[in-house]
All heavy atoms as atom14 arrays in JSON, in Angstrom:
{
  "sequence": "EDESVLPDFLLGETISFEAYGSVDGVVDFSALTADAIVVDDKAVTIT",
  "atom14_mask": [
    [1, 1, 1, 1, 1, 1, 1, 1, 1, 0, 0, 0, 0, 0],
    [1, 1, 1, 1, 1, 1, 1, 1, 0, 0, 0, 0, 0, 0],
    [1, 1, 1, 1, 1, 1, 1, 1, 1, 0, 0, 0, 0, 0],
    [1, 1, 1, 1, 1, 1, 0, 0, 0, 0, 0, 0, 0, 0],
    [1, 1, 1, 1, 1, 1, 1, 0, 0, 0, 0, 0, 0, 0],
    [1, 1, 1, 1, 1, 1, 1, 1, 0, 0, 0, 0, 0, 0],
    [1, 1, 1, 1, 1, 1, 1, 0, 0, 0, 0, 0, 0, 0],
    [1, 1, 1, 1, 1, 1, 1, 1, 0, 0, 0, 0, 0, 0],
    [1, 1, 1, 1, 1, 1, 1, 1, 1, 1, 1, 0, 0, 0],
    [1, 1, 1, 1, 1, 1, 1, 1, 0, 0, 0, 0, 0, 0],
    [1, 1, 1, 1, 1, 1, 1, 1, 0, 0, 0, 0, 0, 0],
    [1, 1, 1, 1, 0, 0, 0, 0, 0, 0, 0, 0, 0, 0],
    [1, 1, 1, 1, 1, 1, 1, 1, 1, 0, 0, 0, 0, 0],
    [1, 1, 1, 1, 1, 1, 1, 0, 0, 0, 0, 0, 0, 0],
    [1, 1, 1, 1, 1, 1, 1, 1, 0, 0, 0, 0, 0, 0],
    [1, 1, 1, 1, 1, 1, 0, 0, 0, 0, 0, 0, 0, 0],
    [1, 1, 1, 1, 1, 1, 1, 1, 1, 1, 1, 0, 0, 0],
    [1, 1, 1, 1, 1, 1, 1, 1, 1, 0, 0, 0, 0, 0],
    [1, 1, 1, 1, 1, 0, 0, 0, 0, 0, 0, 0, 0, 0],
    [1, 1, 1, 1, 1, 1, 1, 1, 1, 1, 1, 1, 0, 0],
    [1, 1, 1, 1, 0, 0, 0, 0, 0, 0, 0, 0, 0, 0],
    [1, 1, 1, 1, 1, 1, 0, 0, 0, 0, 0, 0, 0, 0],
    [1, 1, 1, 1, 1, 1, 1, 0, 0, 0, 0, 0, 0, 0],
    [1, 1, 1, 1, 1, 1, 1, 1, 0, 0, 0, 0, 0, 0],
    [1, 1, 1, 1, 0, 0, 0, 0, 0, 0, 0, 0, 0, 0],
    [1, 1, 1, 1, 1, 1, 1, 0, 0, 0, 0, 0, 0, 0],
    [1, 1, 1, 1, 1, 1, 1, 0, 0, 0, 0, 0, 0, 0],
    [1, 1, 1, 1, 1, 1, 1, 1, 0, 0, 0, 0, 0, 0],
    [1, 1, 1, 1, 1, 1, 1, 1, 1, 1, 1, 0, 0, 0],
    [1, 1, 1, 1, 1, 1, 0, 0, 0, 0, 0, 0, 0, 0],
    [1, 1, 1, 1, 1, 0, 0, 0, 0, 0, 0, 0, 0, 0],
    [1, 1, 1, 1, 1, 1, 1, 1, 0, 0, 0, 0, 0, 0],
    [1, 1, 1, 1, 1, 1, 1, 0, 0, 0, 0, 0, 0, 0],
    [1, 1, 1, 1, 1, 0, 0, 0, 0, 0, 0, 0, 0, 0],
    [1, 1, 1, 1, 1, 1, 1, 1, 0, 0, 0, 0, 0, 0],
    [1, 1, 1, 1, 1, 0, 0, 0, 0, 0, 0, 0, 0, 0],
    [1, 1, 1, 1, 1, 1, 1, 1, 0, 0, 0, 0, 0, 0],
    [1, 1, 1, 1, 1, 1, 1, 0, 0, 0, 0, 0, 0, 0],
    [1, 1, 1, 1, 1, 1, 1, 0, 0, 0, 0, 0, 0, 0],
    [1, 1, 1, 1, 1, 1, 1, 1, 0, 0, 0, 0, 0, 0],
    [1, 1, 1, 1, 1, 1, 1, 1, 0, 0, 0, 0, 0, 0],
    [1, 1, 1, 1, 1, 1, 1, 1, 1, 0, 0, 0, 0, 0],
    [1, 1, 1, 1, 1, 0, 0, 0, 0, 0, 0, 0, 0, 0],
    [1, 1, 1, 1, 1, 1, 1, 0, 0, 0, 0, 0, 0, 0],
    [1, 1, 1, 1, 1, 1, 1, 0, 0, 0, 0, 0, 0, 0],
    [1, 1, 1, 1, 1, 1, 1, 1, 0, 0, 0, 0, 0, 0],
    [1, 1, 1, 1, 1, 1, 1, 0, 0, 0, 0, 0, 0, 0]
  ],
  "atom14_positions": [
    [[-15.48, 1.34, -16.54], [-16.51, 1.09, -17.55], [-17.61, 0.2, -17.01], [-17.35, -0.77, -16.31], [-15.88, 0.43, -18.79], [-14.88, 1.31, -19.52], [-14.36, 0.66, -20.79], [-14.85, -0.45, -21.12], [-13.49, 1.25, -21.45], [0.0, 0.0, 0.0], [0.0, 0.0, 0.0], [0.0, 0.0, 0.0], [0.0, 0.0, 0.0], [0.0, 0.0, 0.0]],
    [[-18.83, 0.56, -17.35], [-20.0, -0.25, -17.01], [-20.57, -0.76, -18.34], [-21.32, -0.06, -19.02], [-21.03, 0.59, -16.26], [-22.25, -0.24, -15.84], [-22.17, -1.47, -15.92], [-23.26, 0.37, -15.45], [0.0, 0.0, 0.0], [0.0, 0.0, 0.0], [0.0, 0.0, 0.0], [0.0, 0.0, 0.0], [0.0, 0.0, 0.0], [0.0, 0.0, 0.0]],
    [[-20.18, -1.99, -18.67], [-20.54, -2.52, -20.0], [-21.85, -3.29, -19.96], [-22.33, -3.71, -18.9], [-19.42, -3.42, -20.51], [-18.08, -2.7, -20.69], [-17.0, -3.65, -21.18], [-17.18, -4.88, -21.03], [-15.98, -3.16, -21.7], [0.0, 0.0, 0.0], [0.0, 0.0, 0.0], [0.0, 0.0, 0.0], [0.0, 0.0, 0.0], [0.0, 0.0, 0.0]],
    [[-22.44, -3.47, -21.14], [-23.67, -4.25, -21.29], [-23.57, -5.05, -22.59], [-22.62, -4.92, -23.35], [-24.9, -3.33, -21.32], [-24.93, -2.6, -22.53], [0.0, 0.0, 0.0], [0.0, 0.0, 0.0], [0.0, 0.0, 0.0], [0.0, 0.0, 0.0], [0.0, 0.0, 0.0], [0.0, 0.0, 0.0], [0.0, 0.0, 0.0], [0.0, 0.0, 0.0]],
    [[-24.59, -5.86, -22.82], [-24.6, -6.67, -24.05], [-24.92, -5.81, -25.26], [-24.65, -6.2, -26.4], [-25.63, -7.82, -23.94], [-25.2, -8.81, -22.85], [-27.02, -7.28, -23.64], [0.0, 0.0, 0.0], [0.0, 0.0, 0.0], [0.0, 0.0, 0.0], [0.0, 0.0, 0.0], [0.0, 0.0, 0.0], [0.0, 0.0, 0.0], [0.0, 0.0, 0.0]],
    [[-25.49, -4.64, -25.0], [-25.81, -3.73, -26.1], [-24.58, -2.89, -26.45], [-23.67, -2.74, -25.65], [-26.97, -2.82, -25.71], [-28.32, -3.5, -25.42], [-29.34, -2.48, -24.94], [-28.81, -4.24, -26.66], [0.0, 0.0, 0.0], [0.0, 0.0, 0.0], [0.0, 0.0, 0.0], [0.0, 0.0, 0.0], [0.0, 0.0, 0.0], [0.0, 0.0, 0.0]],
    [[-24.56, -2.32, -27.64], [-23.45, -1.45, -28.04], [-23.31, -0.28, -27.06], [-24.29, 0.18, -26.47], [-23.86, -0.97, -29.43], [-24.79, -2.01, -29.93], [-25.54, -2.52, -28.73], [0.0, 0.0, 0.0], [0.0, 0.0, 0.0], [0.0, 0.0, 0.0], [0.0, 0.0, 0.0], [0.0, 0.0, 0.0], [0.0, 0.0, 0.0], [0.0, 0.0, 0.0]],
    [[-22.08, 0.19, -26.89], [-21.8, 1.26, -25.93], [-22.6, 2.52, -26.19], [-22.99, 3.22, -25.26], [-20.3, 1.59, -25.93], [-19.46, 0.45, -25.38], [-20.04, -0.42, -24.72], [-18.24, 0.45, -25.62], [0.0, 0.0, 0.0], [0.0, 0.0, 0.0], [0.0, 0.0, 0.0], [0.0, 0.0, 0.0], [0.0, 0.0, 0.0], [0.0, 0.0, 0.0]],
    [[-22.84, 2.83, -27.47], [-23.55, 4.08, -27.76], [-25.01, 4.01, -27.33], [-25.69, 5.03, -27.18], [-23.45, 4.43, -29.26], [-24.33, 3.62, -30.16], [-25.61, 4.06, -30.49], [-23.89, 2.42, -30.68], [-26.42, 3.31, -31.31], [-24.71, 1.66, -31.51], [-25.98, 2.1, -31.84], [0.0, 0.0, 0.0], [0.0, 0.0, 0.0], [0.0, 0.0, 0.0]],
    [[-25.54, 2.78, -27.12], [-26.91, 2.62, -26.64], [-26.98, 2.51, -25.12], [-27.77, 3.19, -24.47], [-27.53, 1.38, -27.28], [-27.95, 1.47, -28.74], [-28.52, 0.13, -29.21], [-29.01, 2.58, -28.94], [0.0, 0.0, 0.0], [0.0, 0.0, 0.0], [0.0, 0.0, 0.0], [0.0, 0.0, 0.0], [0.0, 0.0, 0.0], [0.0, 0.0, 0.0]],
    [[-26.16, 1.62, -24.56], [-26.22, 1.37, -23.13], [-24.82, 1.08, -22.6], [-24.1, 0.22, -23.09], [-27.14, 0.18, -22.83], [-27.4, -0.12, -21.35], [-28.16, 1.05, -20.71], [-28.21, -1.41, -21.2], [0.0, 0.0, 0.0], [0.0, 0.0, 0.0], [0.0, 0.0, 0.0], [0.0, 0.0, 0.0], [0.0, 0.0, 0.0], [0.0, 0.0, 0.0]],
    [[-24.44, 1.8, -21.61], [-23.11, 1.63, -21.02], [-22.6, 2.96, -20.48], [-23.12, 4.03, -20.82], [0.0, 0.0, 0.0], [0.0, 0.0, 0.0], [0.0, 0.0, 0.0], [0.0, 0.0, 0.0], [0.0, 0.0, 0.0], [0.0, 0.0, 0.0], [0.0, 0.0, 0.0], [0.0, 0.0, 0.0], [0.0, 0.0, 0.0], [0.0, 0.0, 0.0]],
    [[-21.61, 2.88, -19.64], [-21.08, 4.1, -19.03], [-19.58, 3.98, -18.84], [-19.08, 2.94, -18.41], [-21.76, 4.34, -17.67], [-21.3, 5.59, -16.96], [-22.01, 5.76, -15.62], [-21.74, 4.94, -14.71], [-22.83, 6.69, -15.48], [0.0, 0.0, 0.0], [0.0, 0.0, 0.0], [0.0, 0.0, 0.0], [0.0, 0.0, 0.0], [0.0, 0.0, 0.0]],
    [[-18.87, 5.03, -19.18], [-17.43, 5.1, -18.96], [-17.12, 6.38, -18.2], [-17.47, 7.48, -18.64], [-16.64, 5.1, -20.29], [-16.94, 3.89, -21.01], [-15.15, 5.17, -20.03], [0.0, 0.0, 0.0], [0.0, 0.0, 0.0], [0.0, 0.0, 0.0], [0.0, 0.0, 0.0], [0.0, 0.0, 0.0], [0.0, 0.0, 0.0], [0.0, 0.0, 0.0]],
    [[-16.48, 6.23, -17.02], [-16.14, 7.37, -16.17], [-14.62, 7.53, -16.14], [-13.89, 6.59, -15.83], [-16.67, 7.19, -14.74], [-18.19, 7.01, -14.76], [-16.29, 8.37, -13.87], [-18.77, 6.68, -13.4], [0.0, 0.0, 0.0], [0.0, 0.0, 0.0], [0.0, 0.0, 0.0], [0.0, 0.0, 0.0], [0.0, 0.0, 0.0], [0.0, 0.0, 0.0]],
    [[-14.17, 8.71, -16.48], [-12.74, 9.04, -16.38], [-12.51, 9.79, -15.08], [-13.19, 10.79, -14.8], [-12.3, 9.89, -17.57], [-12.51, 9.2, -18.79], [0.0, 0.0, 0.0], [0.0, 0.0, 0.0], [0.0, 0.0, 0.0], [0.0, 0.0, 0.0], [0.0, 0.0, 0.0], [0.0, 0.0, 0.0], [0.0, 0.0, 0.0], [0.0, 0.0, 0.0]],
    [[-11.54, 9.3, -14.28], [-11.31, 9.87, -12.95], [-9.84, 10.21, -12.79], [-8.96, 9.45, -13.2], [-11.74, 8.88, -11.87], [-11.82, 9.47, -10.49], [-12.92, 10.22, -10.11], [-10.8, 9.27, -9.58], [-13.0, 10.77, -8.83], [-10.87, 9.8, -8.3], [-11.98, 10.56, -7.92], [0.0, 0.0, 0.0], [0.0, 0.0, 0.0], [0.0, 0.0, 0.0]],
    [[-9.58, 11.36, -12.2], [-8.21, 11.8, -11.92], [-8.05, 11.86, -10.41], [-8.75, 12.63, -9.74], [-7.97, 13.18, -12.54], [-6.51, 13.59, -12.59], [-6.33, 14.86, -13.41], [-6.74, 15.93, -12.91], [-5.8, 14.78, -14.53], [0.0, 0.0, 0.0], [0.0, 0.0, 0.0], [0.0, 0.0, 0.0], [0.0, 0.0, 0.0], [0.0, 0.0, 0.0]],
    [[-7.14, 11.05, -9.9], [-6.98, 10.94, -8.45], [-5.65, 11.52, -7.99], [-4.61, 11.28, -8.59], [-7.08, 9.47, -8.02], [0.0, 0.0, 0.0], [0.0, 0.0, 0.0], [0.0, 0.0, 0.0], [0.0, 0.0, 0.0], [0.0, 0.0, 0.0], [0.0, 0.0, 0.0], [0.0, 0.0, 0.0], [0.0, 0.0, 0.0], [0.0, 0.0, 0.0]],
    [[-5.72, 12.28, -6.9], [-4.54, 12.8, -6.23], [-4.55, 12.28, -4.79], [-5.61, 12.2, -4.16], [-4.53, 14.33, -6.22], [-4.33, 14.95, -7.58], [-5.42, 15.12, -8.44], [-3.08, 15.36, -8.01], [-5.27, 15.69, -9.69], [-2.91, 15.94, -9.26], [-4.0, 16.11, -10.1], [-3.84, 16.66, -11.35], [0.0, 0.0, 0.0], [0.0, 0.0, 0.0]],
    [[-3.39, 11.94, -4.28], [-3.35, 11.44, -2.91], [-1.94, 11.13, -2.46], [-0.96, 11.54, -3.1], [0.0, 0.0, 0.0], [0.0, 0.0, 0.0], [0.0, 0.0, 0.0], [0.0, 0.0, 0.0], [0.0, 0.0, 0.0], [0.0, 0.0, 0.0], [0.0, 0.0, 0.0], [0.0, 0.0, 0.0], [0.0, 0.0, 0.0], [0.0, 0.0, 0.0]],
    [[-1.83, 10.4, -1.36], [-0.52, 10.07, -0.8], [-0.52, 8.66, -0.23], [-1.57, 8.12, 0.11], [-0.13, 11.08, 0.29], [-1.08, 11.05, 1.35], [0.0, 0.0, 0.0], [0.0, 0.0, 0.0], [0.0, 0.0, 0.0], [0.0, 0.0, 0.0], [0.0, 0.0, 0.0], [0.0, 0.0, 0.0], [0.0, 0.0, 0.0], [0.0, 0.0, 0.0]],
    [[0.69, 8.11, -0.14], [0.9, 6.77, 0.42], [2.13, 6.83, 1.32], [3.12, 7.48, 0.98], [1.11, 5.71, -0.69], [1.36, 4.34, -0.07], [-0.1, 5.66, -1.62], [0.0, 0.0, 0.0], [0.0, 0.0, 0.0], [0.0, 0.0, 0.0], [0.0, 0.0, 0.0], [0.0, 0.0, 0.0], [0.0, 0.0, 0.0], [0.0, 0.0, 0.0]],
    [[2.06, 6.16, 2.47], [3.17, 6.16, 3.41], [4.01, 4.89, 3.28], [3.48, 3.81, 2.97], [2.67, 6.26, 4.85], [2.05, 7.6, 5.16], [2.37, 8.57, 4.45], [1.24, 7.68, 6.1], [0.0, 0.0, 0.0], [0.0, 0.0, 0.0], [0.0, 0.0, 0.0], [0.0, 0.0, 0.0], [0.0, 0.0, 0.0], [0.0, 0.0, 0.0]],
    [[5.3, 5.03, 3.54], [6.17, 3.88, 3.73], [6.33, 3.68, 5.23], [6.88, 4.54, 5.93], [0.0, 0.0, 0.0], [0.0, 0.0, 0.0], [0.0, 0.0, 0.0], [0.0, 0.0, 0.0], [0.0, 0.0, 0.0], [0.0, 0.0, 0.0], [0.0, 0.0, 0.0], [0.0, 0.0, 0.0], [0.0, 0.0, 0.0], [0.0, 0.0, 0.0]],
    [[5.83, 2.55, 5.77], [5.75, 2.34, 7.21], [6.59, 1.14, 7.64], [6.58, 0.1, 6.97], [4.28, 2.13, 7.64], [4.19, 1.79, 9.12], [3.46, 3.37, 7.32], [0.0, 0.0, 0.0], [0.0, 0.0, 0.0], [0.0, 0.0, 0.0], [0.0, 0.0, 0.0], [0.0, 0.0, 0.0], [0.0, 0.0, 0.0], [0.0, 0.0, 0.0]],
    [[7.29, 1.29, 8.78], [8.04, 0.18, 9.38], [7.36, -0.17, 10.7], [7.14, 0.7, 11.55], [9.51, 0.55, 9.62], [10.25, -0.62, 10.27], [10.18, 0.93, 8.31], [0.0, 0.0, 0.0], [0.0, 0.0, 0.0], [0.0, 0.0, 0.0], [0.0, 0.0, 0.0], [0.0, 0.0, 0.0], [0.0, 0.0, 0.0], [0.0, 0.0, 0.0]],
    [[7.03, -1.44, 10.87], [6.31, -1.91, 12.06], [7.3, -2.27, 13.16], [8.03, -3.24, 13.07], [5.45, -3.11, 11.68], [4.62, -3.61, 12.86], [4.55, -2.89, 13.88], [4.05, -4.71, 12.75], [0.0, 0.0, 0.0], [0.0, 0.0, 0.0], [0.0, 0.0, 0.0], [0.0, 0.0, 0.0], [0.0, 0.0, 0.0], [0.0, 0.0, 0.0]],
    [[7.31, -1.47, 14.24], [8.17, -1.75, 15.4], [7.43, -2.57, 16.46], [8.05, -3.03, 17.41], [8.63, -0.45, 16.05], [9.61, 0.35, 15.23], [9.81, 1.69, 15.49], [10.34, -0.24, 14.21], [10.71, 2.44, 14.74], [11.24, 0.49, 13.45], [11.43, 1.84, 13.73], [0.0, 0.0, 0.0], [0.0, 0.0, 0.0], [0.0, 0.0, 0.0]],
    [[6.12, -2.72, 16.31], [5.31, -3.3, 17.38], [5.63, -4.75, 17.67], [5.44, -5.22, 18.8], [3.82, -3.16, 17.05], [3.49, -3.91, 15.89], [0.0, 0.0, 0.0], [0.0, 0.0, 0.0], [0.0, 0.0, 0.0], [0.0, 0.0, 0.0], [0.0, 0.0, 0.0], [0.0, 0.0, 0.0], [0.0, 0.0, 0.0], [0.0, 0.0, 0.0]],
    [[6.12, -5.5, 16.68], [6.38, -6.93, 16.88], [7.85, -7.21, 17.21], [8.25, -8.38, 17.26], [5.97, -7.71, 15.64], [0.0, 0.0, 0.0], [0.0, 0.0, 0.0], [0.0, 0.0, 0.0], [0.0, 0.0, 0.0], [0.0, 0.0, 0.0], [0.0, 0.0, 0.0], [0.0, 0.0, 0.0], [0.0, 0.0, 0.0], [0.0, 0.0, 0.0]],
    [[8.64, -6.18, 17.43], [10.05, -6.39, 17.73], [10.22, -7.13, 19.05], [9.51, -6.88, 20.02], [10.79, -5.07, 17.81], [11.15, -4.37, 16.5], [11.94, -3.1, 16.8], [11.96, -5.28, 15.6], [0.0, 0.0, 0.0], [0.0, 0.0, 0.0], [0.0, 0.0, 0.0], [0.0, 0.0, 0.0], [0.0, 0.0, 0.0], [0.0, 0.0, 0.0]],
    [[11.18, -8.06, 19.1], [11.51, -8.78, 20.32], [12.99, -8.58, 20.62], [13.74, -8.02, 19.8], [11.22, -10.29, 20.18], [12.08, -10.83, 19.16], [9.77, -10.53, 19.79], [0.0, 0.0, 0.0], [0.0, 0.0, 0.0], [0.0, 0.0, 0.0], [0.0, 0.0, 0.0], [0.0, 0.0, 0.0], [0.0, 0.0, 0.0], [0.0, 0.0, 0.0]],
    [[13.41, -9.04, 21.77], [14.82, -8.9, 22.16], [15.74, -9.64, 21.19], [16.91, -9.27, 21.03], [15.01, -9.43, 23.58], [0.0, 0.0, 0.0], [0.0, 0.0, 0.0], [0.0, 0.0, 0.0], [0.0, 0.0, 0.0], [0.0, 0.0, 0.0], [0.0, 0.0, 0.0], [0.0, 0.0, 0.0], [0.0, 0.0, 0.0], [0.0, 0.0, 0.0]],
    [[15.23, -10.69, 20.53], [16.06, -11.44, 19.58], [16.46, -10.6, 18.38], [17.46, -10.9, 17.71], [15.3, -12.69, 19.08], [15.07, -13.69, 20.2], [15.82, -13.63, 21.19], [14.16, -14.51, 20.09], [0.0, 0.0, 0.0], [0.0, 0.0, 0.0], [0.0, 0.0, 0.0], [0.0, 0.0, 0.0], [0.0, 0.0, 0.0], [0.0, 0.0, 0.0]],
    [[15.69, -9.57, 18.09], [15.99, -8.72, 16.93], [17.02, -7.65, 17.24], [17.45, -6.92, 16.36], [14.71, -8.04, 16.43], [0.0, 0.0, 0.0], [0.0, 0.0, 0.0], [0.0, 0.0, 0.0], [0.0, 0.0, 0.0], [0.0, 0.0, 0.0], [0.0, 0.0, 0.0], [0.0, 0.0, 0.0], [0.0, 0.0, 0.0], [0.0, 0.0, 0.0]],
    [[17.44, -7.6, 18.5], [18.39, -6.57, 18.93], [19.61, -7.25, 19.53], [19.52, -7.98, 20.52], [17.74, -5.64, 19.97], [16.48, -5.0, 19.38], [18.72, -4.57, 20.43], [15.66, -4.24, 20.38], [0.0, 0.0, 0.0], [0.0, 0.0, 0.0], [0.0, 0.0, 0.0], [0.0, 0.0, 0.0], [0.0, 0.0, 0.0], [0.0, 0.0, 0.0]],
    [[20.76, -7.02, 18.95], [22.01, -7.61, 19.42], [22.92, -6.48, 19.9], [23.3, -5.6, 19.12], [22.72, -8.41, 18.31], [24.03, -8.98, 18.82], [21.81, -9.52, 17.79], [0.0, 0.0, 0.0], [0.0, 0.0, 0.0], [0.0, 0.0, 0.0], [0.0, 0.0, 0.0], [0.0, 0.0, 0.0], [0.0, 0.0, 0.0], [0.0, 0.0, 0.0]],
    [[23.25, -6.52, 21.18], [24.08, -5.49, 21.79], [25.47, -6.05, 22.08], [25.62, -7.12, 22.65], [23.44, -4.97, 23.1], [24.36, -3.96, 23.78], [22.09, -4.34, 22.81], [0.0, 0.0, 0.0], [0.0, 0.0, 0.0], [0.0, 0.0, 0.0], [0.0, 0.0, 0.0], [0.0, 0.0, 0.0], [0.0, 0.0, 0.0], [0.0, 0.0, 0.0]],
    [[26.5, -5.31, 21.68], [27.88, -5.68, 21.95], [28.61, -4.44, 22.44], [29.13, -3.65, 21.66], [28.55, -6.24, 20.69], [29.98, -6.69, 20.94], [30.38, -6.74, 22.13], [30.7, -6.97, 19.97], [0.0, 0.0, 0.0], [0.0, 0.0, 0.0], [0.0, 0.0, 0.0], [0.0, 0.0, 0.0], [0.0, 0.0, 0.0], [0.0, 0.0, 0.0]],
    [[28.61, -4.26, 23.78], [29.19, -3.09, 24.4], [28.49, -1.83, 23.88], [27.31, -1.64, 24.1], [30.7, -3.04, 24.16], [31.38, -2.01, 25.05], [30.79, -1.63, 26.08], [32.5, -1.57, 24.71], [0.0, 0.0, 0.0], [0.0, 0.0, 0.0], [0.0, 0.0, 0.0], [0.0, 0.0, 0.0], [0.0, 0.0, 0.0], [0.0, 0.0, 0.0]],
    [[29.2, -0.99, 23.12], [28.61, 0.24, 22.6], [28.19, 0.12, 21.14], [27.95, 1.13, 20.48], [29.59, 1.4, 22.77], [29.83, 1.79, 24.22], [30.65, 3.06, 24.33], [30.8, 3.48, 25.78], [31.55, 4.76, 25.9], [0.0, 0.0, 0.0], [0.0, 0.0, 0.0], [0.0, 0.0, 0.0], [0.0, 0.0, 0.0], [0.0, 0.0, 0.0]],
    [[28.06, -1.11, 20.66], [27.58, -1.36, 19.31], [26.26, -2.12, 19.39], [26.05, -2.95, 20.27], [28.6, -2.16, 18.51], [0.0, 0.0, 0.0], [0.0, 0.0, 0.0], [0.0, 0.0, 0.0], [0.0, 0.0, 0.0], [0.0, 0.0, 0.0], [0.0, 0.0, 0.0], [0.0, 0.0, 0.0], [0.0, 0.0, 0.0], [0.0, 0.0, 0.0]],
    [[25.34, -1.83, 18.46], [24.06, -2.5, 18.45], [23.64, -2.76, 17.01], [23.86, -1.93, 16.12], [22.97, -1.67, 19.18], [22.8, -0.31, 18.54], [21.63, -2.41, 19.21], [0.0, 0.0, 0.0], [0.0, 0.0, 0.0], [0.0, 0.0, 0.0], [0.0, 0.0, 0.0], [0.0, 0.0, 0.0], [0.0, 0.0, 0.0], [0.0, 0.0, 0.0]],
    [[23.03, -3.93, 16.79], [22.48, -4.29, 15.48], [21.0, -4.6, 15.67], [20.62, -5.39, 16.54], [23.19, -5.52, 14.88], [24.58, -5.21, 14.7], [22.58, -5.89, 13.54], [0.0, 0.0, 0.0], [0.0, 0.0, 0.0], [0.0, 0.0, 0.0], [0.0, 0.0, 0.0], [0.0, 0.0, 0.0], [0.0, 0.0, 0.0], [0.0, 0.0, 0.0]],
    [[20.15, -3.95, 14.86], [18.7, -4.17, 14.94], [18.2, -4.71, 13.61], [18.51, -4.16, 12.55], [17.95, -2.86, 15.26], [18.43, -2.3, 16.6], [16.46, -3.1, 15.3], [17.67, -1.06, 17.02], [0.0, 0.0, 0.0], [0.0, 0.0, 0.0], [0.0, 0.0, 0.0], [0.0, 0.0, 0.0], [0.0, 0.0, 0.0], [0.0, 0.0, 0.0]],
    [[17.46, -5.81, 13.66], [16.87, -6.41, 12.47], [15.38, -6.06, 12.43], [14.64, -6.34, 13.38], [17.04, -7.94, 12.47], [18.45, -8.24, 12.53], [16.46, -8.54, 11.2], [0.0, 0.0, 0.0], [0.0, 0.0, 0.0], [0.0, 0.0, 0.0], [0.0, 0.0, 0.0], [0.0, 0.0, 0.0], [0.0, 0.0, 0.0], [0.0, 0.0, 0.0]]
  ]
}
């Protein structure tokens, strides 16, 4: 809405918009360090 001090029927604008799109769920591996990886023989834990 684009409101003004005047009544809406005189001055103002209301736009109705319908949006379609997408959003990703992302995991950042770039900052991983050796401390985040614990190796025990053939077992590994990653934080």
